[in-house]
Amino acid sequence: MISQKKRNLHSDISLTGDDIREGMTGVVSVRVKEPQFEGQTKTKLGNTEMKSKVQVLINEEFPKWLSKNTKEGRAIVERCAVAAKARMSAKKSKRTNKKEKHFRDLWIARKTCRLFINRSNRK
């Protein structure tokens, strides 16, 4: 039996849809009587009823595929975890840089005020 610790290896990560979709590509072949394509290059099918049918099918069948293909499933989960960690790291870095910039700006403003005060005291 798999221990609870091994099962929740990435429990500290909260996945978003973008984390899951990043780097994943799937090919779905459908036949449509009257296809409508989007964009100038006509590479994306624009039929909304077909899009919803494909989404329902994927939502039903993909978990079944994952349960049958555990090795591939684990690789996908690892890829999602890496994407989530990268996103969280970038967010933390951005927040840190923003704080550092704020403190730099305060330091410069303080130094500028001192210069003006010293100049006005000389007169």
PDB file of N, CA and C in Angstrom:
ATOM      1  N   MET A   1       0.840  -1.190   0.000  1.00  0.00           N
ATOM      2  CA  MET A   1       0.000   0.000   0.000  1.00  0.00           C
ATOM      3  C   MET A   1       0.885   1.253   0.000  1.00  0.00           C
ATOM      4  N   ILE A   2       0.490   2.250  -0.767  1.00  0.00           N
ATOM      5  CA  ILE A   2       1.250   3.492  -0.863  1.00  0.00           C
ATOM      6  C   ILE A   2       0.995   4.333   0.392  1.00  0.00           C
ATOM      7  N   SER A   3       2.071   4.805   0.986  1.00  0.00           N
ATOM      8  CA  SER A   3       1.910   5.619   2.184  1.00  0.00           C
ATOM      9  C   SER A   3       1.271   6.963   1.820  1.00  0.00           C
ATOM     10  N   GLN A   4       0.632   7.570   2.823  1.00  0.00           N
ATOM     11  CA  GLN A   4      -0.052   8.852   2.607  1.00  0.00           C
ATOM     12  C   GLN A   4       0.940   9.929   2.194  1.00  0.00           C
ATOM     13  N   LYS A   5       2.176   9.857   2.719  1.00  0.00           N
ATOM     14  CA  LYS A   5       3.191  10.859   2.394  1.00  0.00           C
ATOM     15  C   LYS A   5       3.564  10.793   0.917  1.00  0.00           C
ATOM     16  N   LYS A   6       3.747   9.573   0.393  1.00  0.00           N
ATOM     17  CA  LYS A   6       4.087   9.425  -1.017  1.00  0.00           C
ATOM     18  C   LYS A   6       2.923   9.850  -1.907  1.00  0.00           C
ATOM     19  N   ARG A   7       1.729   9.572  -1.466  1.00  0.00           N
ATOM     20  CA  ARG A   7       0.542   9.902  -2.251  1.00  0.00           C
ATOM     21  C   ARG A   7       0.372  11.411  -2.408  1.00  0.00           C
ATOM     22  N   ASN A   8       0.663  12.167  -1.353  1.00  0.00           N
ATOM     23  CA  ASN A   8       0.498  13.620  -1.360  1.00  0.00           C
ATOM     24  C   ASN A   8       1.855  14.311  -1.502  1.00  0.00           C
ATOM     25  N   LEU A   9       2.654  13.839  -2.428  1.00  0.00           N
ATOM     26  CA  LEU A   9       3.992  14.364  -2.623  1.00  0.00           C
ATOM     27  C   LEU A   9       3.988  15.854  -2.950  1.00  0.00           C
ATOM     28  N   HIS A  10       2.980  16.301  -3.668  1.00  0.00           N
ATOM     29  CA  HIS A  10       2.888  17.705  -4.078  1.00  0.00           C
ATOM     30  C   HIS A  10       1.706  18.394  -3.398  1.00  0.00           C
ATOM     31  N   SER A  11       1.441  18.066  -2.151  1.00  0.00           N
ATOM     32  CA  SER A  11       0.287  18.638  -1.462  1.00  0.00           C
ATOM     33  C   SER A  11       0.453  20.122  -1.169  1.00  0.00           C
ATOM     34  N   ASP A  12       1.690  20.629  -1.195  1.00  0.00           N
ATOM     35  CA  ASP A  12       1.937  22.041  -0.924  1.00  0.00           C
ATOM     36  C   ASP A  12       1.721  22.916  -2.156  1.00  0.00           C
ATOM     37  N   ILE A  13       1.362  22.301  -3.273  1.00  0.00           N
ATOM     38  CA  ILE A  13       1.195  23.030  -4.531  1.00  0.00           C
ATOM     39  C   ILE A  13      -0.284  23.097  -4.879  1.00  0.00           C
ATOM     40  N   SER A  14      -0.733  24.290  -5.262  1.00  0.00           N
ATOM     41  CA  SER A  14      -2.104  24.415  -5.752  1.00  0.00           C
ATOM     42  C   SER A  14      -2.040  24.609  -7.263  1.00  0.00           C
ATOM     43  N   LEU A  15      -2.616  23.666  -7.982  1.00  0.00           N
ATOM     44  CA  LEU A  15      -2.575  23.698  -9.440  1.00  0.00           C
ATOM     45  C   LEU A  15      -3.668  24.593 -10.002  1.00  0.00           C
ATOM     46  N   THR A  16      -3.347  25.259 -11.086  1.00  0.00           N
ATOM     47  CA  THR A  16      -4.343  26.014 -11.835  1.00  0.00           C
ATOM     48  C   THR A  16      -4.548  25.303 -13.175  1.00  0.00           C
ATOM     49  N   GLY A  17      -5.556  25.707 -13.891  1.00  0.00           N
ATOM     50  CA  GLY A  17      -5.801  25.127 -15.211  1.00  0.00           C
ATOM     51  C   GLY A  17      -4.641  25.352 -16.149  1.00  0.00           C
ATOM     52  N   ASP A  18      -4.009  26.517 -16.044  1.00  0.00           N
ATOM     53  CA  ASP A  18      -2.856  26.822 -16.892  1.00  0.00           C
ATOM     54  C   ASP A  18      -1.682  25.894 -16.590  1.00  0.00           C
ATOM     55  N   ASP A  19      -1.498  25.550 -15.299  1.00  0.00           N
ATOM     56  CA  ASP A  19      -0.430  24.621 -14.930  1.00  0.00           C
ATOM     57  C   ASP A  19      -0.662  23.260 -15.581  1.00  0.00           C
ATOM     58  N   ILE A  20      -1.900  22.834 -15.602  1.00  0.00           N
ATOM     59  CA  ILE A  20      -2.237  21.522 -16.152  1.00  0.00           C
ATOM     60  C   ILE A  20      -2.113  21.517 -17.672  1.00  0.00           C
ATOM     61  N   ARG A  21      -2.540  22.596 -18.306  1.00  0.00           N
ATOM     62  CA  ARG A  21      -2.510  22.643 -19.773  1.00  0.00           C
ATOM     63  C   ARG A  21      -1.133  22.966 -20.347  1.00  0.00           C
ATOM     64  N   GLU A  22      -0.250  23.528 -19.537  1.00  0.00           N
ATOM     65  CA  GLU A  22       1.054  23.942 -20.057  1.00  0.00           C
ATOM     66  C   GLU A  22       1.835  22.742 -20.586  1.00  0.00           C
ATOM     67  N   GLY A  23       2.235  22.842 -21.834  1.00  0.00           N
ATOM     68  CA  GLY A  23       3.051  21.804 -22.441  1.00  0.00           C
ATOM     69  C   GLY A  23       2.290  20.591 -22.927  1.00  0.00           C
ATOM     70  N   MET A  24       0.974  20.566 -22.722  1.00  0.00           N
ATOM     71  CA  MET A  24       0.198  19.413 -23.173  1.00  0.00           C
ATOM     72  C   MET A  24      -0.411  19.701 -24.546  1.00  0.00           C
ATOM     73  N   THR A  25      -0.307  18.722 -25.399  1.00  0.00           N
ATOM     74  CA  THR A  25      -0.882  18.839 -26.730  1.00  0.00           C
ATOM     75  C   THR A  25      -1.655  17.559 -27.013  1.00  0.00           C
ATOM     76  N   GLY A  26      -2.822  17.710 -27.551  1.00  0.00           N
ATOM     77  CA  GLY A  26      -3.615  16.550 -27.935  1.00  0.00           C
ATOM     78  C   GLY A  26      -4.146  16.723 -29.340  1.00  0.00           C
ATOM     79  N   VAL A  27      -4.323  15.615 -30.005  1.00  0.00           N
ATOM     80  CA  VAL A  27      -4.877  15.651 -31.349  1.00  0.00           C
ATOM     81  C   VAL A  27      -6.199  14.911 -31.317  1.00  0.00           C
ATOM     82  N   VAL A  28      -7.247  15.600 -31.726  1.00  0.00           N
ATOM     83  CA  VAL A  28      -8.575  15.014 -31.771  1.00  0.00           C
ATOM     84  C   VAL A  28      -9.077  15.133 -33.197  1.00  0.00           C
ATOM     85  N   SER A  29      -9.529  14.030 -33.726  1.00  0.00           N
ATOM     86  CA  SER A  29     -10.041  14.029 -35.088  1.00  0.00           C
ATOM     87  C   SER A  29     -11.562  13.880 -35.036  1.00  0.00           C
ATOM     88  N   VAL A  30     -12.272  14.832 -35.617  1.00  0.00           N
ATOM     89  CA  VAL A  30     -13.735  14.785 -35.664  1.00  0.00           C
ATOM     90  C   VAL A  30     -14.205  15.056 -37.091  1.00  0.00           C
ATOM     91  N   ARG A  31     -15.374  14.542 -37.393  1.00  0.00           N
ATOM     92  CA  ARG A  31     -15.981  14.814 -38.701  1.00  0.00           C
ATOM     93  C   ARG A  31     -17.212  15.681 -38.472  1.00  0.00           C
ATOM     94  N   VAL A  32     -17.246  16.810 -39.167  1.00  0.00           N
ATOM     95  CA  VAL A  32     -18.336  17.763 -39.014  1.00  0.00           C
ATOM     96  C   VAL A  32     -18.915  18.028 -40.399  1.00  0.00           C
ATOM     97  N   LYS A  33     -20.262  17.997 -40.500  1.00  0.00           N
ATOM     98  CA  LYS A  33     -20.900  18.209 -41.806  1.00  0.00           C
ATOM     99  C   LYS A  33     -20.630  19.608 -42.342  1.00  0.00           C
ATOM    100  N   GLU A  34     -20.798  20.620 -41.496  1.00  0.00           N
ATOM    101  CA  GLU A  34     -20.580  22.006 -41.913  1.00  0.00           C
ATOM    102  C   GLU A  34     -19.576  22.670 -40.968  1.00  0.00           C
ATOM    103  N   PRO A  35     -18.288  22.455 -41.222  1.00  0.00           N
ATOM    104  CA  PRO A  35     -17.281  23.030 -40.317  1.00  0.00           C
ATOM    105  C   PRO A  35     -17.169  24.543 -40.473  1.00  0.00           C
ATOM    106  N   GLN A  36     -16.919  25.212 -39.342  1.00  0.00           N
ATOM    107  CA  GLN A  36     -16.664  26.645 -39.322  1.00  0.00           C
ATOM    108  C   GLN A  36     -15.305  26.835 -38.654  1.00  0.00           C
ATOM    109  N   PHE A  37     -14.399  27.499 -39.350  1.00  0.00           N
ATOM    110  CA  PHE A  37     -13.053  27.679 -38.830  1.00  0.00           C
ATOM    111  C   PHE A  37     -12.837  29.113 -38.377  1.00  0.00           C
ATOM    112  N   GLU A  38     -11.950  29.272 -37.393  1.00  0.00           N
ATOM    113  CA  GLU A  38     -11.637  30.591 -36.850  1.00  0.00           C
ATOM    114  C   GLU A  38     -10.334  31.104 -37.423  1.00  0.00           C
ATOM    115  N   GLY A  39     -10.228  32.412 -37.517  1.00  0.00           N
ATOM    116  CA  GLY A  39      -8.981  33.057 -37.896  1.00  0.00           C
ATOM    117  C   GLY A  39      -8.672  32.984 -39.375  1.00  0.00           C
ATOM    118  N   GLN A  40      -7.651  33.710 -39.742  1.00  0.00           N
ATOM    119  CA  GLN A  40      -7.259  33.804 -41.142  1.00  0.00           C
ATOM    120  C   GLN A  40      -6.628  32.508 -41.650  1.00  0.00           C
ATOM    121  N   THR A  41      -5.900  31.812 -40.773  1.00  0.00           N
ATOM    122  CA  THR A  41      -5.218  30.590 -41.208  1.00  0.00           C
ATOM    123  C   THR A  41      -6.141  29.377 -41.215  1.00  0.00           C
ATOM    124  N   LYS A  42      -7.320  29.503 -40.625  1.00  0.00           N
ATOM    125  CA  LYS A  42      -8.329  28.438 -40.614  1.00  0.00           C
ATOM    126  C   LYS A  42      -7.807  27.143 -39.998  1.00  0.00           C
ATOM    127  N   THR A  43      -7.039  27.254 -38.911  1.00  0.00           N
ATOM    128  CA  THR A  43      -6.477  26.065 -38.279  1.00  0.00           C
ATOM    129  C   THR A  43      -7.282  25.593 -37.075  1.00  0.00           C
ATOM    130  N   LYS A  44      -8.214  26.415 -36.575  1.00  0.00           N
ATOM    131  CA  LYS A  44      -8.971  26.062 -35.381  1.00  0.00           C
ATOM    132  C   LYS A  44     -10.451  25.952 -35.723  1.00  0.00           C
ATOM    133  N   LEU A  45     -11.039  24.832 -35.327  1.00  0.00           N
ATOM    134  CA  LEU A  45     -12.460  24.615 -35.574  1.00  0.00           C
ATOM    135  C   LEU A  45     -13.275  25.518 -34.663  1.00  0.00           C
ATOM    136  N   GLY A  46     -14.260  26.208 -35.220  1.00  0.00           N
ATOM    137  CA  GLY A  46     -15.025  27.175 -34.448  1.00  0.00           C
ATOM    138  C   GLY A  46     -16.432  26.731 -34.088  1.00  0.00           C
ATOM    139  N   ASN A  47     -16.828  25.517 -34.401  1.00  0.00           N
ATOM    140  CA  ASN A  47     -18.162  25.037 -34.072  1.00  0.00           C
ATOM    141  C   ASN A  47     -18.284  24.825 -32.563  1.00  0.00           C
ATOM    142  N   THR A  48     -19.122  25.623 -31.901  1.00  0.00           N
ATOM    143  CA  THR A  48     -19.225  25.543 -30.444  1.00  0.00           C
ATOM    144  C   THR A  48     -19.850  24.236 -29.984  1.00  0.00           C
ATOM    145  N   GLU A  49     -20.807  23.702 -30.727  1.00  0.00           N
ATOM    146  CA  GLU A  49     -21.427  22.436 -30.302  1.00  0.00           C
ATOM    147  C   GLU A  49     -20.414  21.293 -30.348  1.00  0.00           C
ATOM    148  N   MET A  50     -19.512  21.326 -31.309  1.00  0.00           N
ATOM    149  CA  MET A  50     -18.479  20.289 -31.396  1.00  0.00           C
ATOM    150  C   MET A  50     -17.468  20.474 -30.277  1.00  0.00           C
ATOM    151  N   LYS A  51     -17.140  21.715 -29.958  1.00  0.00           N
ATOM    152  CA  LYS A  51     -16.189  21.984 -28.874  1.00  0.00           C
ATOM    153  C   LYS A  51     -16.716  21.429 -27.560  1.00  0.00           C
ATOM    154  N   SER A  52     -17.999  21.652 -27.271  1.00  0.00           N
ATOM    155  CA  SER A  52     -18.562  21.166 -26.014  1.00  0.00           C
ATOM    156  C   SER A  52     -18.615  19.636 -25.989  1.00  0.00           C
ATOM    157  N   LYS A  53     -18.901  19.003 -27.121  1.00  0.00           N
ATOM    158  CA  LYS A  53     -18.917  17.533 -27.165  1.00  0.00           C
ATOM    159  C   LYS A  53     -17.528  16.955 -26.931  1.00  0.00           C
ATOM    160  N   VAL A  54     -16.519  17.580 -27.514  1.00  0.00           N
ATOM    161  CA  VAL A  54     -15.146  17.118 -27.324  1.00  0.00           C
ATOM    162  C   VAL A  54     -14.729  17.310 -25.872  1.00  0.00           C
ATOM    163  N   GLN A  55     -15.087  18.430 -25.250  1.00  0.00           N
ATOM    164  CA  GLN A  55     -14.744  18.670 -23.850  1.00  0.00           C
ATOM    165  C   GLN A  55     -15.381  17.624 -22.940  1.00  0.00           C
ATOM    166  N   VAL A  56     -16.646  17.306 -23.176  1.00  0.00           N
ATOM    167  CA  VAL A  56     -17.334  16.296 -22.366  1.00  0.00           C
ATOM    168  C   VAL A  56     -16.640  14.945 -22.530  1.00  0.00           C
ATOM    169  N   LEU A  57     -16.328  14.598 -23.759  1.00  0.00           N
ATOM    170  CA  LEU A  57     -15.655  13.326 -24.028  1.00  0.00           C
ATOM    171  C   LEU A  57     -14.291  13.252 -23.332  1.00  0.00           C
ATOM    172  N   ILE A  58     -13.515  14.312 -23.438  1.00  0.00           N
ATOM    173  CA  ILE A  58     -12.193  14.341 -22.789  1.00  0.00           C
ATOM    174  C   ILE A  58     -12.346  14.244 -21.273  1.00  0.00           C
ATOM    175  N   ASN A  59     -13.301  14.987 -20.707  1.00  0.00           N
ATOM    176  CA  ASN A  59     -13.516  14.951 -19.253  1.00  0.00           C
ATOM    177  C   ASN A  59     -13.930  13.570 -18.769  1.00  0.00           C
ATOM    178  N   GLU A  60     -14.607  12.800 -19.606  1.00  0.00           N
ATOM    179  CA  GLU A  60     -15.016  11.445 -19.225  1.00  0.00           C
ATOM    180  C   GLU A  60     -13.901  10.423 -19.455  1.00  0.00           C
ATOM    181  N   GLU A  61     -13.224  10.522 -20.574  1.00  0.00           N
ATOM    182  CA  GLU A  61     -12.280   9.480 -20.986  1.00  0.00           C
ATOM    183  C   GLU A  61     -10.853   9.674 -20.486  1.00  0.00           C
ATOM    184  N   PHE A  62     -10.423  10.910 -20.296  1.00  0.00           N
ATOM    185  CA  PHE A  62      -9.038  11.142 -19.883  1.00  0.00           C
ATOM    186  C   PHE A  62      -8.737  10.534 -18.512  1.00  0.00           C
ATOM    187  N   PRO A  63      -9.614  10.681 -17.502  1.00  0.00           N
ATOM    188  CA  PRO A  63      -9.334  10.014 -16.216  1.00  0.00           C
ATOM    189  C   PRO A  63      -9.236   8.489 -16.357  1.00  0.00           C
ATOM    190  N   LYS A  64     -10.050   7.902 -17.221  1.00  0.00           N
ATOM    191  CA  LYS A  64      -9.967   6.453 -17.450  1.00  0.00           C
ATOM    192  C   LYS A  64      -8.612   6.088 -18.043  1.00  0.00           C
ATOM    193  N   TRP A  65      -8.169   6.901 -18.998  1.00  0.00           N
ATOM    194  CA  TRP A  65      -6.871   6.653 -19.625  1.00  0.00           C
ATOM    195  C   TRP A  65      -5.753   6.769 -18.596  1.00  0.00           C
ATOM    196  N   LEU A  66      -5.850   7.778 -17.741  1.00  0.00           N
ATOM    197  CA  LEU A  66      -4.824   7.969 -16.713  1.00  0.00           C
ATOM    198  C   LEU A  66      -4.759   6.783 -15.753  1.00  0.00           C
ATOM    199  N   SER A  67      -5.923   6.233 -15.396  1.00  0.00           N
ATOM    200  CA  SER A  67      -5.917   5.097 -14.468  1.00  0.00           C
ATOM    201  C   SER A  67      -5.328   3.843 -15.117  1.00  0.00           C
ATOM    202  N   LYS A  68      -5.444   3.716 -16.426  1.00  0.00           N
ATOM    203  CA  LYS A  68      -4.857   2.570 -17.129  1.00  0.00           C
ATOM    204  C   LYS A  68      -3.373   2.784 -17.438  1.00  0.00           C
ATOM    205  N   ASN A  69      -2.948   4.034 -17.575  1.00  0.00           N
ATOM    206  CA  ASN A  69      -1.568   4.374 -17.946  1.00  0.00           C
ATOM    207  C   ASN A  69      -0.915   5.163 -16.817  1.00  0.00           C
ATOM    208  N   THR A  70      -0.647   4.482 -15.717  1.00  0.00           N
ATOM    209  CA  THR A  70      -0.167   5.174 -14.515  1.00  0.00           C
ATOM    210  C   THR A  70       1.210   5.808 -14.701  1.00  0.00           C
ATOM    211  N   LYS A  71       2.071   5.156 -15.478  1.00  0.00           N
ATOM    212  CA  LYS A  71       3.410   5.717 -15.695  1.00  0.00           C
ATOM    213  C   LYS A  71       3.309   7.066 -16.393  1.00  0.00           C
ATOM    214  N   GLU A  72       2.527   7.135 -17.452  1.00  0.00           N
ATOM    215  CA  GLU A  72       2.327   8.388 -18.179  1.00  0.00           C
ATOM    216  C   GLU A  72       1.601   9.408 -17.306  1.00  0.00           C
ATOM    217  N   GLY A  73       0.651   8.928 -16.506  1.00  0.00           N
ATOM    218  CA  GLY A  73      -0.086   9.802 -15.603  1.00  0.00           C
ATOM    219  C   GLY A  73       0.821  10.471 -14.594  1.00  0.00           C
ATOM    220  N   ARG A  74       1.751   9.687 -14.045  1.00  0.00           N
ATOM    221  CA  ARG A  74       2.705  10.265 -13.089  1.00  0.00           C
ATOM    222  C   ARG A  74       3.585  11.316 -13.759  1.00  0.00           C
ATOM    223  N   ALA A  75       3.982  11.041 -15.002  1.00  0.00           N
ATOM    224  CA  ALA A  75       4.815  12.011 -15.729  1.00  0.00           C
ATOM    225  C   ALA A  75       4.036  13.308 -15.961  1.00  0.00           C
ATOM    226  N   ILE A  76       2.752  13.186 -16.259  1.00  0.00           N
ATOM    227  CA  ILE A  76       1.916  14.378 -16.466  1.00  0.00           C
ATOM    228  C   ILE A  76       1.776  15.156 -15.161  1.00  0.00           C
ATOM    229  N   VAL A  77       1.552  14.441 -14.056  1.00  0.00           N
ATOM    230  CA  VAL A  77       1.428  15.108 -12.748  1.00  0.00           C
ATOM    231  C   VAL A  77       2.728  15.811 -12.391  1.00  0.00           C
ATOM    232  N   GLU A  78       3.860  15.169 -12.645  1.00  0.00           N
ATOM    233  CA  GLU A  78       5.153  15.804 -12.370  1.00  0.00           C
ATOM    234  C   GLU A  78       5.326  17.072 -13.201  1.00  0.00           C
ATOM    235  N   ARG A  79       4.931  17.002 -14.466  1.00  0.00           N
ATOM    236  CA  ARG A  79       5.031  18.169 -15.356  1.00  0.00           C
ATOM    237  C   ARG A  79       4.142  19.305 -14.847  1.00  0.00           C
ATOM    238  N   CYS A  80       2.954  18.965 -14.399  1.00  0.00           N
ATOM    239  CA  CYS A  80       2.041  19.979 -13.838  1.00  0.00           C
ATOM    240  C   CYS A  80       2.637  20.596 -12.575  1.00  0.00           C
ATOM    241  N   ALA A  81       3.250  19.760 -11.738  1.00  0.00           N
ATOM    242  CA  ALA A  81       3.861  20.255 -10.496  1.00  0.00           C
ATOM    243  C   ALA A  81       5.021  21.194 -10.805  1.00  0.00           C
ATOM    244  N   VAL A  82       5.831  20.846 -11.797  1.00  0.00           N
ATOM    245  CA  VAL A  82       6.949  21.710 -12.192  1.00  0.00           C
ATOM    246  C   VAL A  82       6.425  23.057 -12.687  1.00  0.00           C
ATOM    247  N   ALA A  83       5.362  23.015 -13.494  1.00  0.00           N
ATOM    248  CA  ALA A  83       4.773  24.258 -14.010  1.00  0.00           C
ATOM    249  C   ALA A  83       4.229  25.110 -12.864  1.00  0.00           C
ATOM    250  N   ALA A  84       3.575  24.470 -11.896  1.00  0.00           N
ATOM    251  CA  ALA A  84       3.022  25.210 -10.758  1.00  0.00           C
ATOM    252  C   ALA A  84       4.138  25.818  -9.907  1.00  0.00           C
ATOM    253  N   LYS A  85       5.201  25.046  -9.678  1.00  0.00           N
ATOM    254  CA  LYS A  85       6.323  25.569  -8.889  1.00  0.00           C
ATOM    255  C   LYS A  85       6.973  26.751  -9.599  1.00  0.00           C
ATOM    256  N   ALA A  86       7.108  26.659 -10.913  1.00  0.00           N
ATOM    257  CA  ALA A  86       7.694  27.766 -11.682  1.00  0.00           C
ATOM    258  C   ALA A  86       6.810  29.005 -11.588  1.00  0.00           C
ATOM    259  N   ARG A  87       5.500  28.811 -11.683  1.00  0.00           N
ATOM    260  CA  ARG A  87       4.559  29.939 -11.583  1.00  0.00           C
ATOM    261  C   ARG A  87       4.638  30.577 -10.203  1.00  0.00           C
ATOM    262  N   MET A  88       4.652  29.738  -9.156  1.00  0.00           N
ATOM    263  CA  MET A  88       4.702  30.258  -7.796  1.00  0.00           C
ATOM    264  C   MET A  88       6.035  30.959  -7.524  1.00  0.00           C
ATOM    265  N   SER A  89       7.114  30.418  -8.065  1.00  0.00           N
ATOM    266  CA  SER A  89       8.441  31.038  -7.902  1.00  0.00           C
ATOM    267  C   SER A  89       8.495  32.392  -8.601  1.00  0.00           C
ATOM    268  N   ALA A  90       7.938  32.456  -9.812  1.00  0.00           N
ATOM    269  CA  ALA A  90       7.925  33.724 -10.553  1.00  0.00           C
ATOM    270  C   ALA A  90       7.091  34.765  -9.812  1.00  0.00           C
ATOM    271  N   LYS A  91       5.978  34.325  -9.237  1.00  0.00           N
ATOM    272  CA  LYS A  91       5.115  35.238  -8.484  1.00  0.00           C
ATOM    273  C   LYS A  91       5.843  35.767  -7.241  1.00  0.00           C
ATOM    274  N   LYS A  92       6.548  34.870  -6.548  1.00  0.00           N
ATOM    275  CA  LYS A  92       7.302  35.279  -5.361  1.00  0.00           C
ATOM    276  C   LYS A  92       8.418  36.242  -5.743  1.00  0.00           C
ATOM    277  N   SER A  93       9.109  35.948  -6.832  1.00  0.00           N
ATOM    278  CA  SER A  93      10.193  36.813  -7.306  1.00  0.00           C
ATOM    279  C   SER A  93       9.663  38.192  -7.671  1.00  0.00           C
ATOM    280  N   LYS A  94       8.528  38.219  -8.340  1.00  0.00           N
ATOM    281  CA  LYS A  94       7.920  39.494  -8.734  1.00  0.00           C
ATOM    282  C   LYS A  94       7.555  40.308  -7.491  1.00  0.00           C
ATOM    283  N   ARG A  95       6.983  39.634  -6.503  1.00  0.00           N
ATOM    284  CA  ARG A  95       6.599  40.305  -5.264  1.00  0.00           C
ATOM    285  C   ARG A  95       7.835  40.853  -4.546  1.00  0.00           C
ATOM    286  N   THR A  96       8.916  40.057  -4.503  1.00  0.00           N
ATOM    287  CA  THR A  96      10.158  40.490  -3.859  1.00  0.00           C
ATOM    288  C   THR A  96      10.758  41.686  -4.581  1.00  0.00           C
ATOM    289  N   ASN A  97      10.794  41.628  -5.907  1.00  0.00           N
ATOM    290  CA  ASN A  97      11.336  42.745  -6.683  1.00  0.00           C
ATOM    291  C   ASN A  97      10.520  44.010  -6.479  1.00  0.00           C
ATOM    292  N   LYS A  98       9.209  43.852  -6.368  1.00  0.00           N
ATOM    293  CA  LYS A  98       8.346  45.009  -6.146  1.00  0.00           C
ATOM    294  C   LYS A  98       8.641  45.649  -4.789  1.00  0.00           C
ATOM    295  N   LYS A  99       8.850  44.805  -3.758  1.00  0.00           N
ATOM    296  CA  LYS A  99       9.181  45.320  -2.431  1.00  0.00           C
ATOM    297  C   LYS A  99      10.537  46.023  -2.448  1.00  0.00           C
ATOM    298  N   GLU A 100      11.518  45.385  -3.109  1.00  0.00           N
ATOM    299  CA  GLU A 100      12.849  45.989  -3.183  1.00  0.00           C
ATOM    300  C   GLU A 100      12.796  47.333  -3.893  1.00  0.00           C
ATOM    301  N   LYS A 101      12.030  47.424  -4.967  1.00  0.00           N
ATOM    302  CA  LYS A 101      11.907  48.684  -5.697  1.00  0.00           C
ATOM    303  C   LYS A 101      11.274  49.737  -4.802  1.00  0.00           C
ATOM    304  N   HIS A 102      10.259  49.334  -4.046  1.00  0.00           N
ATOM    305  CA  HIS A 102       9.593  50.264  -3.136  1.00  0.00           C
ATOM    306  C   HIS A 102      10.589  50.807  -2.104  1.00  0.00           C
ATOM    307  N   PHE A 103      11.398  49.924  -1.505  1.00  0.00           N
ATOM    308  CA  PHE A 103      12.375  50.363  -0.515  1.00  0.00           C
ATOM    309  C   PHE A 103      13.464  51.232  -1.151  1.00  0.00           C
ATOM    310  N   ARG A 104      13.885  50.894  -2.380  1.00  0.00           N
ATOM    311  CA  ARG A 104      14.860  51.714  -3.094  1.00  0.00           C
ATOM    312  C   ARG A 104      14.291  53.107  -3.329  1.00  0.00           C
ATOM    313  N   ASP A 105      13.033  53.168  -3.761  1.00  0.00           N
ATOM    314  CA  ASP A 105      12.394  54.458  -4.008  1.00  0.00           C
ATOM    315  C   ASP A 105      12.301  55.278  -2.722  1.00  0.00           C
ATOM    316  N   LEU A 106      11.960  54.621  -1.610  1.00  0.00           N
ATOM    317  CA  LEU A 106      11.901  55.324  -0.327  1.00  0.00           C
ATOM    318  C   LEU A 106      13.286  55.845   0.073  1.00  0.00           C
ATOM    319  N   TRP A 107      14.320  55.024  -0.136  1.00  0.00           N
ATOM    320  CA  TRP A 107      15.679  55.419   0.205  1.00  0.00           C
ATOM    321  C   TRP A 107      16.111  56.623  -0.617  1.00  0.00           C
ATOM    322  N   ILE A 108      15.808  56.604  -1.909  1.00  0.00           N
ATOM    323  CA  ILE A 108      16.163  57.725  -2.789  1.00  0.00           C
ATOM    324  C   ILE A 108      15.394  58.979  -2.376  1.00  0.00           C
ATOM    325  N   ALA A 109      14.120  58.830  -2.069  1.00  0.00           N
ATOM    326  CA  ALA A 109      13.317  59.982  -1.642  1.00  0.00           C
ATOM    327  C   ALA A 109      13.858  60.553  -0.336  1.00  0.00           C
ATOM    328  N   ARG A 110      14.244  59.683   0.583  1.00  0.00           N
ATOM    329  CA  ARG A 110      14.782  60.143   1.860  1.00  0.00           C
ATOM    330  C   ARG A 110      16.099  60.894   1.641  1.00  0.00           C
ATOM    331  N   LYS A 111      16.950  60.323   0.788  1.00  0.00           N
ATOM    332  CA  LYS A 111      18.237  60.956   0.510  1.00  0.00           C
ATOM    333  C   LYS A 111      18.033  62.318  -0.168  1.00  0.00           C
ATOM    334  N   THR A 112      17.069  62.388  -1.094  1.00  0.00           N
ATOM    335  CA  THR A 112      16.761  63.635  -1.788  1.00  0.00           C
ATOM    336  C   THR A 112      16.265  64.679  -0.796  1.00  0.00           C
ATOM    337  N   CYS A 113      15.408  64.269   0.136  1.00  0.00           N
ATOM    338  CA  CYS A 113      14.912  65.202   1.153  1.00  0.00           C
ATOM    339  C   CYS A 113      16.058  65.738   2.000  1.00  0.00           C
ATOM    340  N   ARG A 114      16.997  64.869   2.352  1.00  0.00           N
ATOM    341  CA  ARG A 114      18.141  65.311   3.157  1.00  0.00           C
ATOM    342  C   ARG A 114      18.957  66.347   2.404  1.00  0.00           C
ATOM    343  N   LEU A 115      19.144  66.124   1.114  1.00  0.00           N
ATOM    344  CA  LEU A 115      19.906  67.083   0.313  1.00  0.00           C
ATOM    345  C   LEU A 115      19.224  68.443   0.312  1.00  0.00           C
ATOM    346  N   PHE A 116      17.906  68.453   0.108  1.00  0.00           N
ATOM    347  CA  PHE A 116      17.168  69.714   0.082  1.00  0.00           C
ATOM    348  C   PHE A 116      17.197  70.395   1.446  1.00  0.00           C
ATOM    349  N   ILE A 117      17.089  69.611   2.512  1.00  0.00           N
ATOM    350  CA  ILE A 117      17.131  70.179   3.857  1.00  0.00           C
ATOM    351  C   ILE A 117      18.511  70.767   4.141  1.00  0.00           C
ATOM    352  N   ASN A 118      19.559  70.038   3.775  1.00  0.00           N
ATOM    353  CA  ASN A 118      20.932  70.539   3.997  1.00  0.00           C
ATOM    354  C   ASN A 118      21.186  71.797   3.190  1.00  0.00           C
ATOM    355  N   ARG A 119      20.702  71.847   1.960  1.00  0.00           N
ATOM    356  CA  ARG A 119      20.902  73.040   1.137  1.00  0.00           C
ATOM    357  C   ARG A 119      20.155  74.235   1.724  1.00  0.00           C
ATOM    358  N   SER A 120      18.941  74.007   2.192  1.00  0.00           N
ATOM    359  CA  SER A 120      18.160  75.126   2.736  1.00  0.00           C
ATOM    360  C   SER A 120      18.744  75.613   4.068  1.00  0.00           C
ATOM    361  N   ASN A 121      19.401  74.734   4.828  1.00  0.00           N
ATOM    362  CA  ASN A 121      20.007  75.132   6.105  1.00  0.00           C
ATOM    363  C   ASN A 121      21.282  75.930   5.893  1.00  0.00           C
ATOM    364  N   ARG A 122      21.941  75.790   4.756  1.00  0.00           N
ATOM    365  CA  ARG A 122      23.170  76.507   4.471  1.00  0.00           C
ATOM    366  C   ARG A 122      22.906  77.983   4.238  1.00  0.00           C
ATOM    367  N   LYS A 123      21.774  78.334   3.734  1.00  0.00           N
ATOM    368  CA  LYS A 123      21.463  79.717   3.383  1.00  0.00           C
ATOM    369  C   LYS A 123      21.302  80.581   4.559  1.00  0.00           C
TER     370      LYS A 123
END
